[in-house]
mmCIF file of all heavy atoms, coordinates in Angstrom:
data_MODEL
# 
_entry.id   MODEL 
# 
loop_
_atom_site.group_PDB 
_atom_site.id 
_atom_site.type_symbol 
_atom_site.label_atom_id 
_atom_site.label_alt_id 
_atom_site.label_comp_id 
_atom_site.label_asym_id 
_atom_site.label_entity_id 
_atom_site.label_seq_id 
_atom_site.pdbx_PDB_ins_code 
_atom_site.Cartn_x 
_atom_site.Cartn_y 
_atom_site.Cartn_z 
_atom_site.occupancy 
_atom_site.B_iso_or_equiv 
_atom_site.pdbx_formal_charge 
_atom_site.auth_seq_id 
_atom_site.auth_comp_id 
_atom_site.auth_asym_id 
_atom_site.auth_atom_id 
_atom_site.pdbx_PDB_model_num 
ATOM 1   N N   . LYS A 1 1  ? 126.606 122.579 108.134 1.00 0.00 ? 1  LYS A N   1 
ATOM 2   C CA  . LYS A 1 1  ? 127.611 123.651 107.625 1.00 0.00 ? 1  LYS A CA  1 
ATOM 3   C C   . LYS A 1 1  ? 128.291 123.296 106.345 1.00 0.00 ? 1  LYS A C   1 
ATOM 4   O O   . LYS A 1 1  ? 129.113 122.445 106.416 1.00 0.00 ? 1  LYS A O   1 
ATOM 5   C CB  . LYS A 1 1  ? 128.551 123.875 108.768 1.00 0.00 ? 1  LYS A CB  1 
ATOM 6   C CG  . LYS A 1 1  ? 127.833 124.373 110.095 1.00 0.00 ? 1  LYS A CG  1 
ATOM 7   C CD  . LYS A 1 1  ? 128.788 124.603 111.203 1.00 0.00 ? 1  LYS A CD  1 
ATOM 8   C CE  . LYS A 1 1  ? 128.185 125.237 112.437 1.00 0.00 ? 1  LYS A CE  1 
ATOM 9   N NZ  . LYS A 1 1  ? 127.086 124.362 113.058 1.00 0.00 ? 1  LYS A NZ  1 
ATOM 10  N N   . LEU A 1 2  ? 127.831 123.903 105.349 1.00 0.00 ? 2  LEU A N   1 
ATOM 11  C CA  . LEU A 1 2  ? 128.589 123.730 104.043 1.00 0.00 ? 2  LEU A CA  1 
ATOM 12  C C   . LEU A 1 2  ? 129.593 124.811 103.948 1.00 0.00 ? 2  LEU A C   1 
ATOM 13  O O   . LEU A 1 2  ? 129.267 125.962 104.044 1.00 0.00 ? 2  LEU A O   1 
ATOM 14  C CB  . LEU A 1 2  ? 127.490 123.873 102.915 1.00 0.00 ? 2  LEU A CB  1 
ATOM 15  C CG  . LEU A 1 2  ? 128.023 123.653 101.420 1.00 0.00 ? 2  LEU A CG  1 
ATOM 16  C CD1 . LEU A 1 2  ? 128.347 122.183 101.133 1.00 0.00 ? 2  LEU A CD1 1 
ATOM 17  C CD2 . LEU A 1 2  ? 127.061 124.209 100.406 1.00 0.00 ? 2  LEU A CD2 1 
ATOM 18  N N   . PHE A 1 3  ? 130.852 124.374 103.565 1.00 0.00 ? 3  PHE A N   1 
ATOM 19  C CA  . PHE A 1 3  ? 131.888 125.361 103.290 1.00 0.00 ? 3  PHE A CA  1 
ATOM 20  C C   . PHE A 1 3  ? 132.601 125.227 101.932 1.00 0.00 ? 3  PHE A C   1 
ATOM 21  O O   . PHE A 1 3  ? 132.666 124.084 101.453 1.00 0.00 ? 3  PHE A O   1 
ATOM 22  C CB  . PHE A 1 3  ? 132.895 125.217 104.504 1.00 0.00 ? 3  PHE A CB  1 
ATOM 23  C CG  . PHE A 1 3  ? 133.720 124.008 104.383 1.00 0.00 ? 3  PHE A CG  1 
ATOM 24  C CD1 . PHE A 1 3  ? 134.926 123.951 103.779 1.00 0.00 ? 3  PHE A CD1 1 
ATOM 25  C CD2 . PHE A 1 3  ? 133.314 122.896 105.056 1.00 0.00 ? 3  PHE A CD2 1 
ATOM 26  C CE1 . PHE A 1 3  ? 135.697 122.648 103.813 1.00 0.00 ? 3  PHE A CE1 1 
ATOM 27  C CE2 . PHE A 1 3  ? 134.004 121.766 105.075 1.00 0.00 ? 3  PHE A CE2 1 
ATOM 28  C CZ  . PHE A 1 3  ? 135.257 121.601 104.446 1.00 0.00 ? 3  PHE A CZ  1 
ATOM 29  N N   . SER A 1 4  ? 132.996 126.337 101.419 1.00 0.00 ? 4  SER A N   1 
ATOM 30  C CA  . SER A 1 4  ? 133.796 126.359 100.197 1.00 0.00 ? 4  SER A CA  1 
ATOM 31  C C   . SER A 1 4  ? 135.247 126.722 100.496 1.00 0.00 ? 4  SER A C   1 
ATOM 32  O O   . SER A 1 4  ? 135.448 127.707 101.190 1.00 0.00 ? 4  SER A O   1 
ATOM 33  C CB  . SER A 1 4  ? 133.160 127.297 99.194  1.00 0.00 ? 4  SER A CB  1 
ATOM 34  O OG  . SER A 1 4  ? 131.873 126.778 98.622  1.00 0.00 ? 4  SER A OG  1 
ATOM 35  N N   . THR A 1 5  ? 136.146 126.069 99.809  1.00 0.00 ? 5  THR A N   1 
ATOM 36  C CA  . THR A 1 5  ? 137.560 126.433 99.950  1.00 0.00 ? 5  THR A CA  1 
ATOM 37  C C   . THR A 1 5  ? 138.071 127.015 98.620  1.00 0.00 ? 5  THR A C   1 
ATOM 38  O O   . THR A 1 5  ? 139.240 127.383 98.557  1.00 0.00 ? 5  THR A O   1 
ATOM 39  C CB  . THR A 1 5  ? 138.421 125.142 100.277 1.00 0.00 ? 5  THR A CB  1 
ATOM 40  O OG1 . THR A 1 5  ? 138.150 124.133 99.371  1.00 0.00 ? 5  THR A OG1 1 
ATOM 41  C CG2 . THR A 1 5  ? 137.997 124.689 101.795 1.00 0.00 ? 5  THR A CG2 1 
ATOM 42  N N   . ASP A 1 6  ? 137.255 126.961 97.607  1.00 0.00 ? 6  ASP A N   1 
ATOM 43  C CA  . ASP A 1 6  ? 137.627 127.517 96.257  1.00 0.00 ? 6  ASP A CA  1 
ATOM 44  C C   . ASP A 1 6  ? 136.394 128.037 95.680  1.00 0.00 ? 6  ASP A C   1 
ATOM 45  O O   . ASP A 1 6  ? 135.241 127.608 95.982  1.00 0.00 ? 6  ASP A O   1 
ATOM 46  C CB  . ASP A 1 6  ? 138.240 126.453 95.371  1.00 0.00 ? 6  ASP A CB  1 
ATOM 47  C CG  . ASP A 1 6  ? 139.254 127.099 94.367  1.00 0.00 ? 6  ASP A CG  1 
ATOM 48  O OD1 . ASP A 1 6  ? 139.063 128.320 94.143  1.00 0.00 ? 6  ASP A OD1 1 
ATOM 49  O OD2 . ASP A 1 6  ? 140.213 126.390 93.981  1.00 0.00 ? 6  ASP A OD2 1 
ATOM 50  N N   . ASN A 1 7  ? 136.609 128.848 94.676  1.00 0.00 ? 7  ASN A N   1 
ATOM 51  C CA  . ASN A 1 7  ? 135.380 129.458 94.070  1.00 0.00 ? 7  ASN A CA  1 
ATOM 52  C C   . ASN A 1 7  ? 134.851 128.696 92.925  1.00 0.00 ? 7  ASN A C   1 
ATOM 53  O O   . ASN A 1 7  ? 134.752 129.107 91.768  1.00 0.00 ? 7  ASN A O   1 
ATOM 54  C CB  . ASN A 1 7  ? 135.695 130.928 93.544  1.00 0.00 ? 7  ASN A CB  1 
ATOM 55  C CG  . ASN A 1 7  ? 136.183 131.716 94.654  1.00 0.00 ? 7  ASN A CG  1 
ATOM 56  O OD1 . ASN A 1 7  ? 135.444 131.954 95.661  1.00 0.00 ? 7  ASN A OD1 1 
ATOM 57  N ND2 . ASN A 1 7  ? 137.307 132.404 94.582  1.00 0.00 ? 7  ASN A ND2 1 
ATOM 58  N N   . GLU A 1 8  ? 134.496 127.392 93.221  1.00 0.00 ? 8  GLU A N   1 
ATOM 59  C CA  . GLU A 1 8  ? 134.008 126.458 92.322  1.00 0.00 ? 8  GLU A CA  1 
ATOM 60  C C   . GLU A 1 8  ? 132.703 126.009 92.895  1.00 0.00 ? 8  GLU A C   1 
ATOM 61  O O   . GLU A 1 8  ? 132.440 125.943 94.027  1.00 0.00 ? 8  GLU A O   1 
ATOM 62  C CB  . GLU A 1 8  ? 134.953 125.353 92.008  1.00 0.00 ? 8  GLU A CB  1 
ATOM 63  C CG  . GLU A 1 8  ? 136.277 125.787 91.337  1.00 0.00 ? 8  GLU A CG  1 
ATOM 64  C CD  . GLU A 1 8  ? 136.078 126.256 89.903  1.00 0.00 ? 8  GLU A CD  1 
ATOM 65  O OE1 . GLU A 1 8  ? 135.081 125.739 89.271  1.00 0.00 ? 8  GLU A OE1 1 
ATOM 66  O OE2 . GLU A 1 8  ? 137.037 126.947 89.421  1.00 0.00 ? 8  GLU A OE2 1 
ATOM 67  N N   . PRO A 1 9  ? 131.867 125.284 92.049  1.00 0.00 ? 9  PRO A N   1 
ATOM 68  C CA  . PRO A 1 9  ? 130.627 124.816 92.485  1.00 0.00 ? 9  PRO A CA  1 
ATOM 69  C C   . PRO A 1 9  ? 130.812 123.624 93.449  1.00 0.00 ? 9  PRO A C   1 
ATOM 70  O O   . PRO A 1 9  ? 131.716 122.810 93.308  1.00 0.00 ? 9  PRO A O   1 
ATOM 71  C CB  . PRO A 1 9  ? 129.759 124.345 91.255  1.00 0.00 ? 9  PRO A CB  1 
ATOM 72  C CG  . PRO A 1 9  ? 130.430 125.236 90.175  1.00 0.00 ? 9  PRO A CG  1 
ATOM 73  C CD  . PRO A 1 9  ? 131.847 125.358 90.570  1.00 0.00 ? 9  PRO A CD  1 
ATOM 74  N N   . LEU A 1 10 ? 129.886 123.399 94.511  1.00 0.00 ? 10 LEU A N   1 
ATOM 75  C CA  . LEU A 1 10 ? 129.845 122.287 95.268  1.00 0.00 ? 10 LEU A CA  1 
ATOM 76  C C   . LEU A 1 10 ? 128.516 121.668 95.061  1.00 0.00 ? 10 LEU A C   1 
ATOM 77  O O   . LEU A 1 10 ? 127.449 122.290 94.985  1.00 0.00 ? 10 LEU A O   1 
ATOM 78  C CB  . LEU A 1 10 ? 129.950 122.596 96.762  1.00 0.00 ? 10 LEU A CB  1 
ATOM 79  C CG  . LEU A 1 10 ? 131.360 123.007 97.269  1.00 0.00 ? 10 LEU A CG  1 
ATOM 80  C CD1 . LEU A 1 10 ? 131.153 123.421 98.735  1.00 0.00 ? 10 LEU A CD1 1 
ATOM 81  C CD2 . LEU A 1 10 ? 132.229 121.774 97.211  1.00 0.00 ? 10 LEU A CD2 1 
ATOM 82  N N   . VAL A 1 11 ? 128.486 120.312 94.948  1.00 0.00 ? 11 VAL A N   1 
ATOM 83  C CA  . VAL A 1 11 ? 127.131 119.589 94.717  1.00 0.00 ? 11 VAL A CA  1 
ATOM 84  C C   . VAL A 1 11 ? 126.933 118.591 95.873  1.00 0.00 ? 11 VAL A C   1 
ATOM 85  O O   . VAL A 1 11 ? 127.745 117.756 96.201  1.00 0.00 ? 11 VAL A O   1 
ATOM 86  C CB  . VAL A 1 11 ? 127.319 118.737 93.322  1.00 0.00 ? 11 VAL A CB  1 
ATOM 87  C CG1 . VAL A 1 11 ? 126.031 118.115 93.070  1.00 0.00 ? 11 VAL A CG1 1 
ATOM 88  C CG2 . VAL A 1 11 ? 127.543 119.836 92.194  1.00 0.00 ? 11 VAL A CG2 1 
ATOM 89  N N   . LEU A 1 12 ? 125.656 118.656 96.323  1.00 0.00 ? 12 LEU A N   1 
ATOM 90  C CA  . LEU A 1 12 ? 125.090 117.650 97.229  1.00 0.00 ? 12 LEU A CA  1 
ATOM 91  C C   . LEU A 1 12 ? 124.236 116.709 96.565  1.00 0.00 ? 12 LEU A C   1 
ATOM 92  O O   . LEU A 1 12 ? 123.338 117.236 95.890  1.00 0.00 ? 12 LEU A O   1 
ATOM 93  C CB  . LEU A 1 12 ? 124.469 118.280 98.478  1.00 0.00 ? 12 LEU A CB  1 
ATOM 94  C CG  . LEU A 1 12 ? 125.262 119.156 99.440  1.00 0.00 ? 12 LEU A CG  1 
ATOM 95  C CD1 . LEU A 1 12 ? 124.404 119.826 100.423 1.00 0.00 ? 12 LEU A CD1 1 
ATOM 96  C CD2 . LEU A 1 12 ? 126.294 118.207 100.110 1.00 0.00 ? 12 LEU A CD2 1 
ATOM 97  N N   . MET A 1 13 ? 124.449 115.431 96.676  1.00 0.00 ? 13 MET A N   1 
ATOM 98  C CA  . MET A 1 13 ? 123.502 114.478 95.973  1.00 0.00 ? 13 MET A CA  1 
ATOM 99  C C   . MET A 1 13 ? 122.717 113.797 97.065  1.00 0.00 ? 13 MET A C   1 
ATOM 100 O O   . MET A 1 13 ? 123.169 113.466 98.135  1.00 0.00 ? 13 MET A O   1 
ATOM 101 C CB  . MET A 1 13 ? 124.389 113.494 95.179  1.00 0.00 ? 13 MET A CB  1 
ATOM 102 C CG  . MET A 1 13 ? 125.083 114.029 93.967  1.00 0.00 ? 13 MET A CG  1 
ATOM 103 S SD  . MET A 1 13 ? 126.096 112.878 93.090  1.00 0.00 ? 13 MET A SD  1 
ATOM 104 C CE  . MET A 1 13 ? 124.964 111.510 92.726  1.00 0.00 ? 13 MET A CE  1 
ATOM 105 N N   . PHE A 1 14 ? 121.477 113.412 96.648  1.00 0.00 ? 14 PHE A N   1 
ATOM 106 C CA  . PHE A 1 14 ? 120.698 112.688 97.605  1.00 0.00 ? 14 PHE A CA  1 
ATOM 107 C C   . PHE A 1 14 ? 119.915 111.628 96.882  1.00 0.00 ? 14 PHE A C   1 
ATOM 108 O O   . PHE A 1 14 ? 119.343 111.659 95.715  1.00 0.00 ? 14 PHE A O   1 
ATOM 109 C CB  . PHE A 1 14 ? 119.532 113.676 98.117  1.00 0.00 ? 14 PHE A CB  1 
ATOM 110 C CG  . PHE A 1 14 ? 120.069 114.776 98.968  1.00 0.00 ? 14 PHE A CG  1 
ATOM 111 C CD1 . PHE A 1 14 ? 120.361 116.054 98.349  1.00 0.00 ? 14 PHE A CD1 1 
ATOM 112 C CD2 . PHE A 1 14 ? 120.394 114.658 100.276 1.00 0.00 ? 14 PHE A CD2 1 
ATOM 113 C CE1 . PHE A 1 14 ? 120.948 117.009 99.021  1.00 0.00 ? 14 PHE A CE1 1 
ATOM 114 C CE2 . PHE A 1 14 ? 120.994 115.673 100.975 1.00 0.00 ? 14 PHE A CE2 1 
ATOM 115 C CZ  . PHE A 1 14 ? 121.279 116.957 100.304 1.00 0.00 ? 14 PHE A CZ  1 
ATOM 116 N N   . ASP A 1 15 ? 119.841 110.357 97.459  1.00 0.00 ? 15 ASP A N   1 
ATOM 117 C CA  . ASP A 1 15 ? 119.184 109.230 96.967  1.00 0.00 ? 15 ASP A CA  1 
ATOM 118 C C   . ASP A 1 15 ? 117.678 109.305 97.329  1.00 0.00 ? 15 ASP A C   1 
ATOM 119 O O   . ASP A 1 15 ? 117.328 109.745 98.416  1.00 0.00 ? 15 ASP A O   1 
ATOM 120 C CB  . ASP A 1 15 ? 119.777 107.920 97.485  1.00 0.00 ? 15 ASP A CB  1 
ATOM 121 C CG  . ASP A 1 15 ? 121.248 107.750 96.912  1.00 0.00 ? 15 ASP A CG  1 
ATOM 122 O OD1 . ASP A 1 15 ? 121.597 108.239 95.792  1.00 0.00 ? 15 ASP A OD1 1 
ATOM 123 O OD2 . ASP A 1 15 ? 121.937 107.046 97.623  1.00 0.00 ? 15 ASP A OD2 1 
ATOM 124 N N   . VAL A 1 16 ? 116.847 108.808 96.561  1.00 0.00 ? 16 VAL A N   1 
ATOM 125 C CA  . VAL A 1 16 ? 115.411 108.876 96.746  1.00 0.00 ? 16 VAL A CA  1 
ATOM 126 C C   . VAL A 1 16 ? 114.790 107.448 96.554  1.00 0.00 ? 16 VAL A C   1 
ATOM 127 O O   . VAL A 1 16 ? 115.365 106.634 95.804  1.00 0.00 ? 16 VAL A O   1 
ATOM 128 C CB  . VAL A 1 16 ? 114.689 109.888 95.932  1.00 0.00 ? 16 VAL A CB  1 
ATOM 129 C CG1 . VAL A 1 16 ? 115.303 111.321 96.150  1.00 0.00 ? 16 VAL A CG1 1 
ATOM 130 C CG2 . VAL A 1 16 ? 114.736 109.514 94.459  1.00 0.00 ? 16 VAL A CG2 1 
ATOM 131 N N   . ALA A 1 17 ? 113.571 107.299 97.117  1.00 0.00 ? 17 ALA A N   1 
ATOM 132 C CA  . ALA A 1 17 ? 112.730 106.145 96.909  1.00 0.00 ? 17 ALA A CA  1 
ATOM 133 C C   . ALA A 1 17 ? 111.358 106.601 96.500  1.00 0.00 ? 17 ALA A C   1 
ATOM 134 O O   . ALA A 1 17 ? 110.957 107.712 96.898  1.00 0.00 ? 17 ALA A O   1 
ATOM 135 C CB  . ALA A 1 17 ? 112.698 105.221 98.015  1.00 0.00 ? 17 ALA A CB  1 
ATOM 136 N N   . ASP A 1 18 ? 110.551 105.777 95.863  1.00 0.00 ? 18 ASP A N   1 
ATOM 137 C CA  . ASP A 1 18 ? 109.244 106.204 95.535  1.00 0.00 ? 18 ASP A CA  1 
ATOM 138 C C   . ASP A 1 18 ? 108.303 106.358 96.623  1.00 0.00 ? 18 ASP A C   1 
ATOM 139 O O   . ASP A 1 18 ? 108.525 105.651 97.739  1.00 0.00 ? 18 ASP A O   1 
ATOM 140 C CB  . ASP A 1 18 ? 108.608 105.007 94.621  1.00 0.00 ? 18 ASP A CB  1 
ATOM 141 C CG  . ASP A 1 18 ? 109.286 104.955 93.324  1.00 0.00 ? 18 ASP A CG  1 
ATOM 142 O OD1 . ASP A 1 18 ? 110.050 105.970 92.861  1.00 0.00 ? 18 ASP A OD1 1 
ATOM 143 O OD2 . ASP A 1 18 ? 109.196 103.863 92.589  1.00 0.00 ? 18 ASP A OD2 1 
ATOM 144 N N   . ALA A 1 19 ? 107.533 107.434 96.719  1.00 0.00 ? 19 ALA A N   1 
ATOM 145 C CA  . ALA A 1 19 ? 106.667 107.729 97.773  1.00 0.00 ? 19 ALA A CA  1 
ATOM 146 C C   . ALA A 1 19 ? 105.748 108.807 97.347  1.00 0.00 ? 19 ALA A C   1 
ATOM 147 O O   . ALA A 1 19 ? 105.709 109.088 96.050  1.00 0.00 ? 19 ALA A O   1 
ATOM 148 C CB  . ALA A 1 19 ? 107.389 108.319 99.000  1.00 0.00 ? 19 ALA A CB  1 
ATOM 149 N N   . GLU A 1 20 ? 104.836 109.369 98.250  1.00 0.00 ? 20 GLU A N   1 
ATOM 150 C CA  . GLU A 1 20 ? 104.060 110.403 97.816  1.00 0.00 ? 20 GLU A CA  1 
ATOM 151 C C   . GLU A 1 20 ? 104.801 111.728 97.736  1.00 0.00 ? 20 GLU A C   1 
ATOM 152 O O   . GLU A 1 20 ? 106.001 111.785 98.223  1.00 0.00 ? 20 GLU A O   1 
ATOM 153 C CB  . GLU A 1 20 ? 102.839 110.619 98.798  1.00 0.00 ? 20 GLU A CB  1 
ATOM 154 C CG  . GLU A 1 20 ? 101.789 109.495 98.734  1.00 0.00 ? 20 GLU A CG  1 
ATOM 155 C CD  . GLU A 1 20 ? 100.628 109.908 99.602  1.00 0.00 ? 20 GLU A CD  1 
ATOM 156 O OE1 . GLU A 1 20 ? 100.727 110.811 100.456 1.00 0.00 ? 20 GLU A OE1 1 
ATOM 157 O OE2 . GLU A 1 20 ? 99.567  109.245 99.482  1.00 0.00 ? 20 GLU A OE2 1 
ATOM 158 N N   . THR A 1 21 ? 104.307 112.778 97.047  1.00 0.00 ? 21 THR A N   1 
ATOM 159 C CA  . THR A 1 21 ? 104.989 114.066 96.982  1.00 0.00 ? 21 THR A CA  1 
ATOM 160 C C   . THR A 1 21 ? 105.341 114.509 98.459  1.00 0.00 ? 21 THR A C   1 
ATOM 161 O O   . THR A 1 21 ? 104.647 114.489 99.347  1.00 0.00 ? 21 THR A O   1 
ATOM 162 C CB  . THR A 1 21 ? 104.095 115.166 96.378  1.00 0.00 ? 21 THR A CB  1 
ATOM 163 O OG1 . THR A 1 21 ? 103.785 114.761 94.972  1.00 0.00 ? 21 THR A OG1 1 
ATOM 164 C CG2 . THR A 1 21 ? 104.729 116.462 96.372  1.00 0.00 ? 21 THR A CG2 1 
ATOM 165 N N   . ASN A 1 22 ? 106.627 114.863 98.472  1.00 0.00 ? 22 ASN A N   1 
ATOM 166 C CA  . ASN A 1 22 ? 107.156 115.367 99.820  1.00 0.00 ? 22 ASN A CA  1 
ATOM 167 C C   . ASN A 1 22 ? 107.846 116.624 99.691  1.00 0.00 ? 22 ASN A C   1 
ATOM 168 O O   . ASN A 1 22 ? 108.351 117.037 98.675  1.00 0.00 ? 22 ASN A O   1 
ATOM 169 C CB  . ASN A 1 22 ? 108.359 114.324 100.220 1.00 0.00 ? 22 ASN A CB  1 
ATOM 170 C CG  . ASN A 1 22 ? 107.792 113.139 101.088 1.00 0.00 ? 22 ASN A CG  1 
ATOM 171 O OD1 . ASN A 1 22 ? 106.883 113.427 101.911 1.00 0.00 ? 22 ASN A OD1 1 
ATOM 172 N ND2 . ASN A 1 22 ? 108.110 111.982 100.710 1.00 0.00 ? 22 ASN A ND2 1 
ATOM 173 N N   . ILE A 1 23 ? 107.782 117.395 100.893 1.00 0.00 ? 23 ILE A N   1 
ATOM 174 C CA  . ILE A 1 23 ? 108.403 118.788 101.005 1.00 0.00 ? 23 ILE A CA  1 
ATOM 175 C C   . ILE A 1 23 ? 109.437 118.681 102.042 1.00 0.00 ? 23 ILE A C   1 
ATOM 176 O O   . ILE A 1 23 ? 109.256 118.038 103.194 1.00 0.00 ? 23 ILE A O   1 
ATOM 177 C CB  . ILE A 1 23 ? 107.293 119.738 101.416 1.00 0.00 ? 23 ILE A CB  1 
ATOM 178 C CG1 . ILE A 1 23 ? 106.228 119.921 100.255 1.00 0.00 ? 23 ILE A CG1 1 
ATOM 179 C CG2 . ILE A 1 23 ? 108.022 121.098 101.560 1.00 0.00 ? 23 ILE A CG2 1 
ATOM 180 C CD1 . ILE A 1 23 ? 105.132 120.691 100.712 1.00 0.00 ? 23 ILE A CD1 1 
ATOM 181 N N   . TYR A 1 24 ? 110.648 119.170 101.738 1.00 0.00 ? 24 TYR A N   1 
ATOM 182 C CA  . TYR A 1 24 ? 111.752 119.146 102.719 1.00 0.00 ? 24 TYR A CA  1 
ATOM 183 C C   . TYR A 1 24 ? 112.228 120.546 102.995 1.00 0.00 ? 24 TYR A C   1 
ATOM 184 O O   . TYR A 1 24 ? 112.474 121.414 102.113 1.00 0.00 ? 24 TYR A O   1 
ATOM 185 C CB  . TYR A 1 24 ? 112.933 118.347 102.149 1.00 0.00 ? 24 TYR A CB  1 
ATOM 186 C CG  . TYR A 1 24 ? 112.737 116.818 102.120 1.00 0.00 ? 24 TYR A CG  1 
ATOM 187 C CD1 . TYR A 1 24 ? 111.987 116.196 101.087 1.00 0.00 ? 24 TYR A CD1 1 
ATOM 188 C CD2 . TYR A 1 24 ? 113.206 116.112 103.185 1.00 0.00 ? 24 TYR A CD2 1 
ATOM 189 C CE1 . TYR A 1 24 ? 111.807 114.880 101.123 1.00 0.00 ? 24 TYR A CE1 1 
ATOM 190 C CE2 . TYR A 1 24 ? 113.027 114.779 103.189 1.00 0.00 ? 24 TYR A CE2 1 
ATOM 191 C CZ  . TYR A 1 24 ? 112.286 114.098 102.193 1.00 0.00 ? 24 TYR A CZ  1 
ATOM 192 O OH  . TYR A 1 24 ? 112.104 112.754 102.302 1.00 0.00 ? 24 TYR A OH  1 
ATOM 193 N N   . ARG A 1 25 ? 112.275 120.875 104.207 1.00 0.00 ? 25 ARG A N   1 
ATOM 194 C CA  . ARG A 1 25 ? 112.926 122.073 104.691 1.00 0.00 ? 25 ARG A CA  1 
ATOM 195 C C   . ARG A 1 25 ? 114.432 121.897 104.726 1.00 0.00 ? 25 ARG A C   1 
ATOM 196 O O   . ARG A 1 25 ? 114.958 120.832 105.210 1.00 0.00 ? 25 ARG A O   1 
ATOM 197 C CB  . ARG A 1 25 ? 112.434 122.456 106.023 1.00 0.00 ? 25 ARG A CB  1 
ATOM 198 C CG  . ARG A 1 25 ? 112.810 123.875 106.482 1.00 0.00 ? 25 ARG A CG  1 
ATOM 199 C CD  . ARG A 1 25 ? 112.303 124.146 107.982 1.00 0.00 ? 25 ARG A CD  1 
ATOM 200 N NE  . ARG A 1 25 ? 112.657 125.545 108.357 1.00 0.00 ? 25 ARG A NE  1 
ATOM 201 C CZ  . ARG A 1 25 ? 112.528 126.004 109.638 1.00 0.00 ? 25 ARG A CZ  1 
ATOM 202 N NH1 . ARG A 1 25 ? 112.060 125.147 110.627 1.00 0.00 ? 25 ARG A NH1 1 
ATOM 203 N NH2 . ARG A 1 25 ? 112.778 127.214 109.974 1.00 0.00 ? 25 ARG A NH2 1 
ATOM 204 N N   . VAL A 1 26 ? 115.214 122.830 104.213 1.00 0.00 ? 26 VAL A N   1 
ATOM 205 C CA  . VAL A 1 26 ? 116.638 122.732 104.276 1.00 0.00 ? 26 VAL A CA  1 
ATOM 206 C C   . VAL A 1 26 ? 117.106 123.858 105.264 1.00 0.00 ? 26 VAL A C   1 
ATOM 207 O O   . VAL A 1 26 ? 116.886 124.987 105.139 1.00 0.00 ? 26 VAL A O   1 
ATOM 208 C CB  . VAL A 1 26 ? 117.297 122.994 102.859 1.00 0.00 ? 26 VAL A CB  1 
ATOM 209 C CG1 . VAL A 1 26 ? 118.775 122.797 102.921 1.00 0.00 ? 26 VAL A CG1 1 
ATOM 210 C CG2 . VAL A 1 26 ? 116.673 122.082 101.793 1.00 0.00 ? 26 VAL A CG2 1 
ATOM 211 N N   . LEU A 1 27 ? 117.885 123.303 106.238 1.00 0.00 ? 27 LEU A N   1 
ATOM 212 C CA  . LEU A 1 27 ? 118.392 124.213 107.224 1.00 0.00 ? 27 LEU A CA  1 
ATOM 213 C C   . LEU A 1 27 ? 119.984 124.102 107.117 1.00 0.00 ? 27 LEU A C   1 
ATOM 214 O O   . LEU A 1 27 ? 120.542 123.013 107.504 1.00 0.00 ? 27 LEU A O   1 
ATOM 215 C CB  . LEU A 1 27 ? 118.000 123.669 108.723 1.00 0.00 ? 27 LEU A CB  1 
ATOM 216 C CG  . LEU A 1 27 ? 116.495 123.811 108.948 1.00 0.00 ? 27 LEU A CG  1 
ATOM 217 C CD1 . LEU A 1 27 ? 116.084 123.012 110.135 1.00 0.00 ? 27 LEU A CD1 1 
ATOM 218 C CD2 . LEU A 1 27 ? 116.029 125.200 109.148 1.00 0.00 ? 27 LEU A CD2 1 
ATOM 219 N N   . GLN A 1 28 ? 120.659 125.144 106.786 1.00 0.00 ? 28 GLN A N   1 
ATOM 220 C CA  . GLN A 1 28 ? 122.047 125.029 106.505 1.00 0.00 ? 28 GLN A CA  1 
ATOM 221 C C   . GLN A 1 28 ? 122.713 126.396 106.835 1.00 0.00 ? 28 GLN A C   1 
ATOM 222 O O   . GLN A 1 28 ? 122.127 127.464 106.843 1.00 0.00 ? 28 GLN A O   1 
ATOM 223 C CB  . GLN A 1 28 ? 122.428 124.643 105.071 1.00 0.00 ? 28 GLN A CB  1 
ATOM 224 C CG  . GLN A 1 28 ? 122.112 125.722 104.094 1.00 0.00 ? 28 GLN A CG  1 
ATOM 225 C CD  . GLN A 1 28 ? 122.770 125.366 102.663 1.00 0.00 ? 28 GLN A CD  1 
ATOM 226 O OE1 . GLN A 1 28 ? 122.008 124.956 101.802 1.00 0.00 ? 28 GLN A OE1 1 
ATOM 227 N NE2 . GLN A 1 28 ? 123.975 125.720 102.515 1.00 0.00 ? 28 GLN A NE2 1 
# 
């Protein structure tokens, strides 16, 4: 559950490691 309290951008950052091409489903 991502929520905004002001009308400004929110940024989620994710760390990665080397691997084969991957596909991620985002459920939010």
